[in-house]
Structures are given as C-alpha cells and as structure tokens.
C-alpha atoms as a PDB file:
ATOM      1  CA  MET A   1     -33.940 -33.347  -7.908  1.00  0.00           C
ATOM      2  CA  LYS A   2     -37.418 -32.350  -9.398  1.00  0.00           C
ATOM      3  CA  PRO A   3     -39.698 -33.971  -6.883  1.00  0.00           C
ATOM      4  CA  ARG A   4     -37.749 -32.735  -3.865  1.00  0.00           C
ATOM      5  CA  VAL A   5     -37.235 -29.113  -4.990  1.00  0.00           C
ATOM      6  CA  SER A   6     -40.256 -27.054  -4.536  1.00  0.00           C
ATOM      7  CA  ARG A   7     -41.127 -24.876  -7.952  1.00  0.00           C
ATOM      8  CA  ARG A   8     -40.525 -21.746  -5.459  1.00  0.00           C
ATOM      9  CA  LEU A   9     -37.225 -22.590  -5.061  1.00  0.00           C
ATOM     10  CA  ALA A  10     -36.468 -23.709  -8.547  1.00  0.00           C
ATOM     11  CA  THR A  11     -37.977 -21.088 -10.704  1.00  0.00           C
ATOM     12  CA  PRO A  12     -35.635 -18.524 -10.001  1.00  0.00           C
ATOM     13  CA  ALA A  13     -32.522 -20.583 -10.190  1.00  0.00           C
ATOM     14  CA  LYS A  14     -33.928 -22.015 -13.476  1.00  0.00           C
ATOM     15  CA  GLN A  15     -34.681 -18.608 -14.903  1.00  0.00           C
ATOM     16  CA  LEU A  16     -31.260 -17.334 -13.839  1.00  0.00           C
ATOM     17  CA  GLY A  17     -29.323 -20.561 -15.106  1.00  0.00           C
ATOM     18  CA  PRO A  18     -27.634 -18.907 -18.068  1.00  0.00           C
ATOM     19  CA  VAL A  19     -26.657 -15.755 -16.236  1.00  0.00           C
ATOM     20  CA  LEU A  20     -25.047 -17.707 -13.144  1.00  0.00           C
ATOM     21  CA  LEU A  21     -23.458 -19.922 -15.842  1.00  0.00           C
ATOM     22  CA  PHE A  22     -22.061 -16.998 -17.674  1.00  0.00           C
ATOM     23  CA  LEU A  23     -20.661 -15.241 -14.578  1.00  0.00           C
ATOM     24  CA  GLY A  24     -19.365 -18.415 -13.096  1.00  0.00           C
ATOM     25  CA  VAL A  25     -17.043 -19.005 -16.190  1.00  0.00           C
ATOM     26  CA  TRP A  26     -16.262 -15.434 -16.331  1.00  0.00           C
ATOM     27  CA  ALA A  27     -14.909 -15.504 -12.903  1.00  0.00           C
ATOM     28  CA  ALA A  28     -12.961 -18.796 -13.200  1.00  0.00           C
ATOM     29  CA  CYS A  29     -11.380 -17.379 -16.640  1.00  0.00           C
ATOM     30  CA  GLY A  30     -10.383 -14.303 -14.859  1.00  0.00           C
ATOM     31  CA  TYR A  31      -8.654 -16.289 -12.024  1.00  0.00           C
ATOM     32  CA  ALA A  32      -6.812 -18.619 -14.358  1.00  0.00           C
ATOM     33  CA  THR A  33      -5.854 -15.822 -16.839  1.00  0.00           C
ATOM     34  CA  PHE A  34      -4.205 -14.013 -13.915  1.00  0.00           C
ATOM     35  CA  PHE A  35      -2.377 -16.931 -12.889  1.00  0.00           C
ATOM     36  CA  ALA A  36      -1.166 -17.832 -16.467  1.00  0.00           C
ATOM     37  CA  PHE A  37      -0.143 -14.482 -17.683  1.00  0.00           C
ATOM     38  CA  ALA A  38       0.318 -11.945 -14.925  1.00  0.00           C
ATOM     39  CA  PRO A  39       4.087 -10.621 -14.650  1.00  0.00           C
ATOM     40  CA  THR A  40       5.837 -11.325 -10.943  1.00  0.00           C
ATOM     41  CA  VAL A  41       5.627  -7.551 -10.046  1.00  0.00           C
ATOM     42  CA  SER A  42       1.955  -7.638 -10.379  1.00  0.00           C
ATOM     43  CA  PHE A  43       1.252 -11.117  -9.016  1.00  0.00           C
ATOM     44  CA  ASP A  44      -0.444  -9.749  -5.776  1.00  0.00           C
ATOM     45  CA  ARG A  45      -3.781 -10.603  -3.767  1.00  0.00           C
ATOM     46  CA  SER A  46      -5.206  -7.349  -4.243  1.00  0.00           C
ATOM     47  CA  ARG A  47      -4.779  -7.416  -7.964  1.00  0.00           C
ATOM     48  CA  LEU A  48      -5.623 -11.137  -8.153  1.00  0.00           C
ATOM     49  CA  ASN A  49      -8.865 -10.068  -6.449  1.00  0.00           C
ATOM     50  CA  LEU A  50      -9.642  -7.392  -9.594  1.00  0.00           C
ATOM     51  CA  SER A  51      -9.746 -10.681 -12.031  1.00  0.00           C
ATOM     52  CA  TYR A  52     -12.672 -11.865 -10.584  1.00  0.00           C
ATOM     53  CA  TRP A  53     -14.231  -9.256  -8.323  1.00  0.00           C
ATOM     54  CA  GLY A  54     -16.638  -8.053 -10.861  1.00  0.00           C
ATOM     55  CA  PRO A  55     -18.213 -10.998 -11.903  1.00  0.00           C
ATOM     56  CA  LEU A  56     -18.603 -12.222  -8.110  1.00  0.00           C
ATOM     57  CA  PHE A  57     -20.219  -9.191  -7.484  1.00  0.00           C
ATOM     58  CA  LEU A  58     -22.730  -9.581 -10.102  1.00  0.00           C
ATOM     59  CA  LEU A  59     -22.897 -12.921  -9.016  1.00  0.00           C
ATOM     60  CA  ALA A  60     -23.854 -12.299  -5.368  1.00  0.00           C
ATOM     61  CA  SER A  61     -26.382  -9.521  -6.633  1.00  0.00           C
ATOM     62  CA  VAL A  62     -28.100 -12.086  -8.822  1.00  0.00           C
ATOM     63  CA  ALA A  63     -28.083 -14.564  -5.790  1.00  0.00           C
ATOM     64  CA  SER A  64     -29.499 -11.985  -3.078  1.00  0.00           C
ATOM     65  CA  ALA A  65     -32.329 -11.089  -5.927  1.00  0.00           C
ATOM     66  CA  ALA A  66     -33.216 -14.864  -6.115  1.00  0.00           C
ATOM     67  CA  ILE A  67     -32.994 -15.351  -2.383  1.00  0.00           C
ATOM     68  CA  ALA A  68     -35.445 -12.180  -2.109  1.00  0.00           C
ATOM     69  CA  ARG A  69     -37.863 -13.241  -4.718  1.00  0.00           C
ATOM     70  CA  VAL A  70     -37.853 -16.768  -2.750  1.00  0.00           C
ATOM     71  CA  LEU A  71     -38.833 -14.953   0.785  1.00  0.00           C
ATOM     72  CA  VAL A  72     -40.930 -12.023  -0.467  1.00  0.00           C
ATOM     73  CA  PRO A  73     -41.787 -12.043  -4.084  1.00  0.00           C
ATOM     74  CA  ARG A  74     -43.786  -8.817  -4.006  1.00  0.00           C
ATOM     75  CA  HIS A  75     -40.930  -6.625  -2.045  1.00  0.00           C
ATOM     76  CA  SER A  76     -37.829  -8.612  -3.736  1.00  0.00           C
ATOM     77  CA  VAL A  77     -36.694  -4.950  -4.778  1.00  0.00           C
ATOM     78  CA  VAL A  78     -36.446  -3.566  -1.429  1.00  0.00           C
ATOM     79  CA  LEU A  79     -35.098  -7.048   0.242  1.00  0.00           C
ATOM     80  CA  ALA A  80     -32.352  -8.022  -2.214  1.00  0.00           C
ATOM     81  CA  PRO A  81     -30.453  -4.973  -1.240  1.00  0.00           C
ATOM     82  CA  MET A  82     -30.718  -5.927   2.399  1.00  0.00           C
ATOM     83  CA  VAL A  83     -29.693  -9.495   1.436  1.00  0.00           C
ATOM     84  CA  LEU A  84     -26.502  -8.540  -0.632  1.00  0.00           C
ATOM     85  CA  LEU A  85     -25.686  -6.150   2.742  1.00  0.00           C
ATOM     86  CA  VAL A  86     -25.920  -9.086   5.287  1.00  0.00           C
ATOM     87  CA  ILE A  87     -23.588 -11.190   3.001  1.00  0.00           C
ATOM     88  CA  PHE A  88     -21.254  -8.349   2.689  1.00  0.00           C
ATOM     89  CA  PHE A  89     -20.931  -7.997   6.557  1.00  0.00           C
ATOM     90  CA  VAL A  90     -20.993 -11.608   7.242  1.00  0.00           C
ATOM     91  CA  THR A  91     -17.799 -12.277   4.726  1.00  0.00           C
ATOM     92  CA  GLY A  92     -16.036 -10.153   6.851  1.00  0.00           C
ATOM     93  CA  HIS A  93     -16.291  -6.679   5.450  1.00  0.00           C
ATOM     94  CA  LYS A  94     -16.744  -3.374   7.012  1.00  0.00           C
ATOM     95  CA  LEU A  95     -17.831   0.047   6.026  1.00  0.00           C
ATOM     96  CA  ASN A  96     -15.029   2.923   6.020  1.00  0.00           C
ATOM     97  CA  TRP A  97     -16.088   6.464   7.076  1.00  0.00           C
ATOM     98  CA  HIS A  98     -13.019   7.523   7.608  1.00  0.00           C
ATOM     99  CA  GLU A  99     -11.396   7.475   4.214  1.00  0.00           C
ATOM    100  CA  THR A 100     -11.602  10.807   2.722  1.00  0.00           C
ATOM    101  CA  PHE A 101      -9.609  13.015   0.071  1.00  0.00           C
ATOM    102  CA  SER A 102      -8.876  15.536   2.567  1.00  0.00           C
ATOM    103  CA  GLY A 103      -7.131  13.317   5.388  1.00  0.00           C
ATOM    104  CA  GLY A 104      -5.094  10.201   5.625  1.00  0.00           C
ATOM    105  CA  SER A 105      -2.529   9.164   2.842  1.00  0.00           C
ATOM    106  CA  TRP A 106      -3.878  12.191   0.220  1.00  0.00           C
ATOM    107  CA  LYS A 107      -2.529  14.920   2.884  1.00  0.00           C
ATOM    108  CA  GLU A 108       1.210  13.316   2.813  1.00  0.00           C
ATOM    109  CA  ASP A 109       0.872  12.939  -1.204  1.00  0.00           C
ATOM    110  CA  ALA A 110      -0.125  16.539  -1.114  1.00  0.00           C
ATOM    111  CA  ILE A 111       2.879  17.708   0.535  1.00  0.00           C
ATOM    112  CA  LEU A 112       5.117  15.157  -1.579  1.00  0.00           C
ATOM    113  CA  LEU A 113       3.939  16.891  -4.940  1.00  0.00           C
ATOM    114  CA  ASP A 114       4.738  20.355  -3.648  1.00  0.00           C
ATOM    115  CA  GLN A 115       8.154  19.141  -2.633  1.00  0.00           C
ATOM    116  CA  LEU A 116       8.347  18.012  -6.330  1.00  0.00           C
ATOM    117  CA  GLY A 117       6.900  21.025  -7.696  1.00  0.00           C
ATOM    118  CA  ALA A 118       9.597  23.252  -5.602  1.00  0.00           C
ATOM    119  CA  MET A 119      12.410  20.973  -6.740  1.00  0.00           C
ATOM    120  CA  PRO A 120      14.788  22.417  -9.710  1.00  0.00           C
ATOM    121  CA  LEU A 121      14.367  19.718 -12.018  1.00  0.00           C
ATOM    122  CA  GLU A 122      16.063  18.930 -15.413  1.00  0.00           C
ATOM    123  CA  ARG A 123      14.847  17.215 -18.350  1.00  0.00           C
ATOM    124  CA  THR A 124      17.212  14.119 -17.970  1.00  0.00           C
ATOM    125  CA  THR A 125      15.943  13.577 -14.330  1.00  0.00           C
ATOM    126  CA  LYS A 126      14.785  10.041 -13.830  1.00  0.00           C
ATOM    127  CA  PHE A 127      11.704   9.427 -11.806  1.00  0.00           C
ATOM    128  CA  TYR A 128      11.189   6.030  -9.977  1.00  0.00           C
ATOM    129  CA  ALA A 129       8.930   4.766  -7.402  1.00  0.00           C
ATOM    130  CA  ALA A 130       7.998   1.381  -5.876  1.00  0.00           C
ATOM    131  CA  PRO A 131       5.553  -0.730  -7.919  1.00  0.00           C
ATOM    132  CA  ASN A 132       1.847   0.729  -7.823  1.00  0.00           C
ATOM    133  CA  ASP A 133       3.218   4.014  -6.444  1.00  0.00           C
ATOM    134  CA  HIS A 134       4.773   4.779  -9.945  1.00  0.00           C
ATOM    135  CA  LEU A 135       1.377   4.619 -11.233  1.00  0.00           C
ATOM    136  CA  ILE A 136      -0.370   6.967  -8.876  1.00  0.00           C
ATOM    137  CA  LEU A 137       2.388   9.295  -8.744  1.00  0.00           C
ATOM    138  CA  SER A 138       2.617   9.675 -12.717  1.00  0.00           C
ATOM    139  CA  PHE A 139      -1.116  10.112 -12.570  1.00  0.00           C
ATOM    140  CA  TYR A 140      -1.350  13.068  -9.933  1.00  0.00           C
ATOM    141  CA  SER A 141       2.084  14.560 -10.583  1.00  0.00           C
ATOM    142  CA  GLY A 142       2.337  14.616 -14.167  1.00  0.00           C
ATOM    143  CA  LEU A 143       5.788  13.285 -13.956  1.00  0.00           C
ATOM    144  CA  PRO A 144       7.277   9.946 -16.103  1.00  0.00           C
ATOM    145  CA  VAL A 145       7.581   8.303 -12.664  1.00  0.00           C
ATOM    146  CA  GLN A 146       8.980   4.533 -13.505  1.00  0.00           C
ATOM    147  CA  ASP A 147       8.704   1.347 -11.969  1.00  0.00           C
ATOM    148  CA  ILE A 148      12.208   0.765  -9.808  1.00  0.00           C
ATOM    149  CA  THR A 149      11.835  -3.131  -9.696  1.00  0.00           C
ATOM    150  CA  PRO A 150      12.793  -3.931 -13.334  1.00  0.00           C
ATOM    151  CA  VAL A 151      15.838  -1.259 -13.253  1.00  0.00           C
ATOM    152  CA  ARG A 152      19.557  -2.801 -12.514  1.00  0.00           C
ATOM    153  CA  LYS A 153      22.037  -0.901 -10.274  1.00  0.00           C
ATOM    154  CA  PRO A 154      24.837  -0.842 -12.786  1.00  0.00           C
ATOM    155  CA  TYR A 155      22.351   1.560 -14.936  1.00  0.00           C
ATOM    156  CA  LEU A 156      21.827   3.873 -11.897  1.00  0.00           C
ATOM    157  CA  ASP A 157      25.160   3.900 -11.112  1.00  0.00           C
ATOM    158  CA  SER A 158      26.330   4.896 -14.781  1.00  0.00           C
ATOM    159  CA  TYR A 159      23.504   7.215 -15.296  1.00  0.00           C
ATOM    160  CA  ARG A 160      25.012  10.886 -15.264  1.00  0.00           C
ATOM    161  CA  GLY A 161      21.580  12.742 -14.594  1.00  0.00           C
ATOM    162  CA  ASP A 162      19.885  13.112 -11.556  1.00  0.00           C
ATOM    163  CA  ILE A 163      17.745  10.348 -10.133  1.00  0.00           C
ATOM    164  CA  VAL A 164      14.855  10.834  -7.808  1.00  0.00           C
ATOM    165  CA  TYR A 165      13.460   8.054  -6.136  1.00  0.00           C
ATOM    166  CA  ILE A 166      10.040   8.660  -4.462  1.00  0.00           C
ATOM    167  CA  ASP A 167       8.800   6.577  -1.282  1.00  0.00           C
ATOM    168  CA  ARG A 168       5.324   7.001  -0.284  1.00  0.00           C
ATOM    169  CA  THR A 169       5.909   4.994   2.985  1.00  0.00           C
ATOM    170  CA  VAL A 170       4.458   6.950   5.949  1.00  0.00           C
ATOM    171  CA  SER A 171       7.025   7.246   8.960  1.00  0.00           C
ATOM    172  CA  VAL A 172       6.820   9.514  12.021  1.00  0.00           C
ATOM    173  CA  ASP A 173       9.006  12.054  12.389  1.00  0.00           C
ATOM    174  CA  THR A 174       9.831  12.871  16.134  1.00  0.00           C
ATOM    175  CA  GLY A 175      12.355  15.821  15.362  1.00  0.00           C
ATOM    176  CA  LEU A 176      14.729  13.729  17.547  1.00  0.00           C
ATOM    177  CA  LEU A 177      17.121  12.500  14.749  1.00  0.00           C
ATOM    178  CA  THR A 178      18.368  15.977  13.577  1.00  0.00           C
ATOM    179  CA  ALA A 179      21.924  17.018  12.996  1.00  0.00           C
ATOM    180  CA  GLU A 180      22.184  19.012  15.692  1.00  0.00           C
ATOM    181  CA  SER A 181      21.016  16.050  18.001  1.00  0.00           C
ATOM    182  CA  VAL A 182      23.451  13.791  16.631  1.00  0.00           C
ATOM    183  CA  ARG A 183      26.417  16.392  17.048  1.00  0.00           C
ATOM    184  CA  ALA A 184      25.173  16.571  20.797  1.00  0.00           C
ATOM    185  CA  ALA A 185      25.399  12.919  21.182  1.00  0.00           C
ATOM    186  CA  ALA A 186      28.953  12.538  19.773  1.00  0.00           C
ATOM    187  CA  LEU A 187      30.036  15.264  21.986  1.00  0.00           C
ATOM    188  CA  ARG A 188      29.162  13.507  25.006  1.00  0.00           C
ATOM    189  CA  ASP A 189      30.860  10.589  23.727  1.00  0.00           C
ATOM    190  CA  GLY A 190      34.155  12.689  23.092  1.00  0.00           C
ATOM    191  CA  LEU A 191      33.508  12.826  19.184  1.00  0.00           C
ATOM    192  CA  ARG A 192      33.584  16.052  17.235  1.00  0.00           C
ATOM    193  CA  LEU A 193      31.648  15.870  14.389  1.00  0.00           C
ATOM    194  CA  SER A 194      31.569  18.243  11.411  1.00  0.00           C
ATOM    195  CA  PRO A 195      27.969  19.574  10.350  1.00  0.00           C
ATOM    196  CA  GLU A 196      28.049  17.488   7.132  1.00  0.00           C
ATOM    197  CA  ALA A 197      29.235  14.736   8.939  1.00  0.00           C
ATOM    198  CA  ALA A 198      26.351  14.967  11.503  1.00  0.00           C
ATOM    199  CA  GLU A 199      23.701  15.794   8.446  1.00  0.00           C
ATOM    200  CA  THR A 200      25.083  12.187   7.094  1.00  0.00           C
ATOM    201  CA  TRP A 201      24.585  10.563  10.280  1.00  0.00           C
ATOM    202  CA  SER A 202      21.109  12.207  10.580  1.00  0.00           C
ATOM    203  CA  ILE A 203      20.096  10.717   7.398  1.00  0.00           C
ATOM    204  CA  LEU A 204      21.615   7.202   8.155  1.00  0.00           C
ATOM    205  CA  LEU A 205      19.986   6.946  11.392  1.00  0.00           C
ATOM    206  CA  ARG A 206      16.523   7.956  10.464  1.00  0.00           C
ATOM    207  CA  THR A 207      16.420   5.788   7.205  1.00  0.00           C
ATOM    208  CA  ARG A 208      18.269   2.716   9.229  1.00  0.00           C
ATOM    209  CA  ASP A 209      15.004   0.597   9.842  1.00  0.00           C
ATOM    210  CA  TYR A 210      13.431   1.245   6.441  1.00  0.00           C
ATOM    211  CA  ARG A 211      16.772   0.389   4.592  1.00  0.00           C
ATOM    212  CA  GLU A 212      17.390  -2.554   6.696  1.00  0.00           C
ATOM    213  CA  ALA A 213      13.916  -4.096   6.008  1.00  0.00           C
ATOM    214  CA  MET A 214      14.205  -3.401   2.327  1.00  0.00           C
ATOM    215  CA  LEU A 215      17.556  -5.446   2.172  1.00  0.00           C
ATOM    216  CA  LYS A 216      15.790  -8.331   4.175  1.00  0.00           C
ATOM    217  CA  SER A 217      13.056  -8.466   1.384  1.00  0.00           C
ATOM    218  CA  LEU A 218      15.021  -7.812  -1.584  1.00  0.00           C
ATOM    219  CA  SER A 219      17.878 -10.266  -0.778  1.00  0.00           C
ATOM    220  CA  ARG A 220      16.725 -12.931   1.204  1.00  0.00           C
ATOM    221  CA  GLY A 221      19.379 -15.415  -0.015  1.00  0.00           C
ATOM    222  CA  SER A 222      22.371 -13.439   0.652  1.00  0.00           C
ATOM    223  CA  PRO A 223      21.362 -10.296   2.893  1.00  0.00           C
ATOM    224  CA  HIS A 224      23.554  -7.512   2.745  1.00  0.00           C
ATOM    225  CA  GLU A 225      24.994  -5.577   6.031  1.00  0.00           C
ATOM    226  CA  ILE A 226      24.482  -1.871   6.183  1.00  0.00           C
ATOM    227  CA  GLU A 227      26.873   0.486   7.874  1.00  0.00           C
ATOM    228  CA  PRO A 228      27.537  -0.248  11.664  1.00  0.00           C
ATOM    229  CA  VAL A 229      26.125   2.133  14.287  1.00  0.00           C
ATOM    230  CA  PRO A 230      28.631   4.535  15.460  1.00  0.00           C
ATOM    231  CA  PRO A 231      30.639   4.579  18.419  1.00  0.00           C
ATOM    232  CA  PHE A 232      28.002   7.336  20.157  1.00  0.00           C
ATOM    233  CA  GLY A 233      25.247   5.335  18.745  1.00  0.00           C
ATOM    234  CA  GLY A 234      24.698   3.034  21.967  1.00  0.00           C
ATOM    235  CA  SER A 235      23.480   5.517  24.310  1.00  0.00           C
ATOM    236  CA  PHE A 236      21.941   7.856  21.561  1.00  0.00           C
ATOM    237  CA  TRP A 237      19.721   5.258  20.722  1.00  0.00           C
ATOM    238  CA  MET A 238      18.591   4.684  24.115  1.00  0.00           C
ATOM    239  CA  HIS A 239      17.776   7.772  24.398  1.00  0.00           C
ATOM    240  CA  ILE A 240      15.792   8.050  21.325  1.00  0.00           C
ATOM    241  CA  THR A 241      14.092   4.870  22.224  1.00  0.00           C
ATOM    242  CA  ALA A 242      12.773   6.357  25.671  1.00  0.00           C
ATOM    243  CA  SER A 243      11.574   9.478  24.099  1.00  0.00           C
ATOM    244  CA  PHE A 244      10.022   7.985  20.905  1.00  0.00           C
ATOM    245  CA  HIS A 245       8.017   5.657  23.290  1.00  0.00           C
ATOM    246  CA  GLN A 246       6.873   8.993  25.122  1.00  0.00           C
ATOM    247  CA  TYR A 247       5.977  10.250  22.200  1.00  0.00           C
ATOM    248  CA  LEU A 248       3.541   7.469  20.971  1.00  0.00           C
ATOM    249  CA  GLN A 249       1.875   7.560  24.471  1.00  0.00           C
ATOM    250  CA  THR A 250       1.312  11.471  24.111  1.00  0.00           C
ATOM    251  CA  PRO A 251      -2.277  12.312  23.422  1.00  0.00           C
ATOM    252  CA  PRO A 252      -2.613  13.622  19.592  1.00  0.00           C
ATOM    253  CA  TRP A 253      -4.330  16.829  21.356  1.00  0.00           C
ATOM    254  CA  SER A 254      -1.449  17.585  23.590  1.00  0.00           C
ATOM    255  CA  LEU A 255       1.221  18.042  20.903  1.00  0.00           C
END
C-alpha cells in the first residue's frame, strides 16, 4: 500500500498507530467483558454503551485530529473540534438545550424527596425501587433504597415492618379519578360506596394501566389478571377517557 498512499495521509496514521491500536483493543475488551460478566439485571443497552463509550470517544477525537492535520496542518487545533462536531451530528446525536436541574424529572424528584422527608419512618422500614432508580434515590435521599428485582414475594409478605416501594414513573394526574368522583359514578349506577371503598377503587383505577403493564412485562409466560372493572366502571371510563382527551388538547397556559 505504500506506493498508493501519499505521505500526507500515511504520516498521521503512522504516528497515531499505537494510540489507535490501544483504544481499539480497549473498546473491544470493554464490549466483550460486558457480555461475559454483566448480570441480567444490568444487561441494558445504555450500560453496554458505557463499557466502550470512553475509548471510542477518544478514538473519534484522535481521528478528528488526524483528519484536521491532513486537511489544514497549520489550523488543525481549530479544525479538529469542528470535525468532531460534524461527526457528532452525522451519527444521529443532537444537542439538548432543555435539560436543566430546575425542571423536568428533577422537579418531580424534589416533590418525591419532600414526601419521603415528611413520612413517619421507622428504623425497620424497607425501601425498594426499580433498577437504576434505587441508586439515584439512595444518593439524593440518603436512605438505603434497594433494588426490588432480586427480592422474592414471600419475603415481602412475611416482613413485619413497613415497606415503601418508590416509583419514579412520570404520570399525569388530571384530578378526575378522585374518591368523590368514584362515589358519584357508583351512585349514578345505583351503588352506594363507603368512603373507604371509594378511596380503594380510586387507587386501583388510577394505577390500573401501570399494573397491567408491569404484569405483562414481569410474567410473559403466564400473565396474571388483575381485579375486574367494577359494574359502574363502563360509563365511568367513557367519561374519564373523554375528559382526559380534552385535558391533553388544552394548552398548558390555559390550565
């Protein structure tokens, strides 16, 4: 290949040969190590990217510097970041100008942490959360939040202390599935509910979609059915669906 490749192209690659080889081996080892040793609960694409993202970022930086030295040797220091930025956009990435610490999920996390701080907690209380969330919640709350994945149901059923499961899933509360609205819907159907029963049905109806999705993802082999919709649920769900669609179509500034 020597006669076919000019020195202008071959020199930067030759100088950076050991660096390119080191970064390539580093990325390949990280990729293979993840597949060989990552536990099932951590086997996720976002975590797989972490195993080789560092060396590949350095590799892209080195390649950008080499390209800049070939094109404009005198101004390669200025051109190299521009080349890397072009590679960044061409590979499908985009800049996120809206992610701030004062909005988005941080605001919901602040509300959650305030609620945890206001709860009367005992020393025997167990805290659980979904994978990854337990690390975030432990860091920001200072509480020993554990991963719920390896915990078996018999242990949870037999535990005598309080158990708090924290779910950071973002949901929209329209204020329609309150205990009062459930009691009113039951009365329209000729059924009188006690305040306790109305509160129970309010919680079950608000969490129904989420619990169905969780059961489908956790028990794909033999899916379990949750409680049936109450007799007054048919007309009530139609009213809720229409109100929810109207809620979604309402501009935020008019709420």
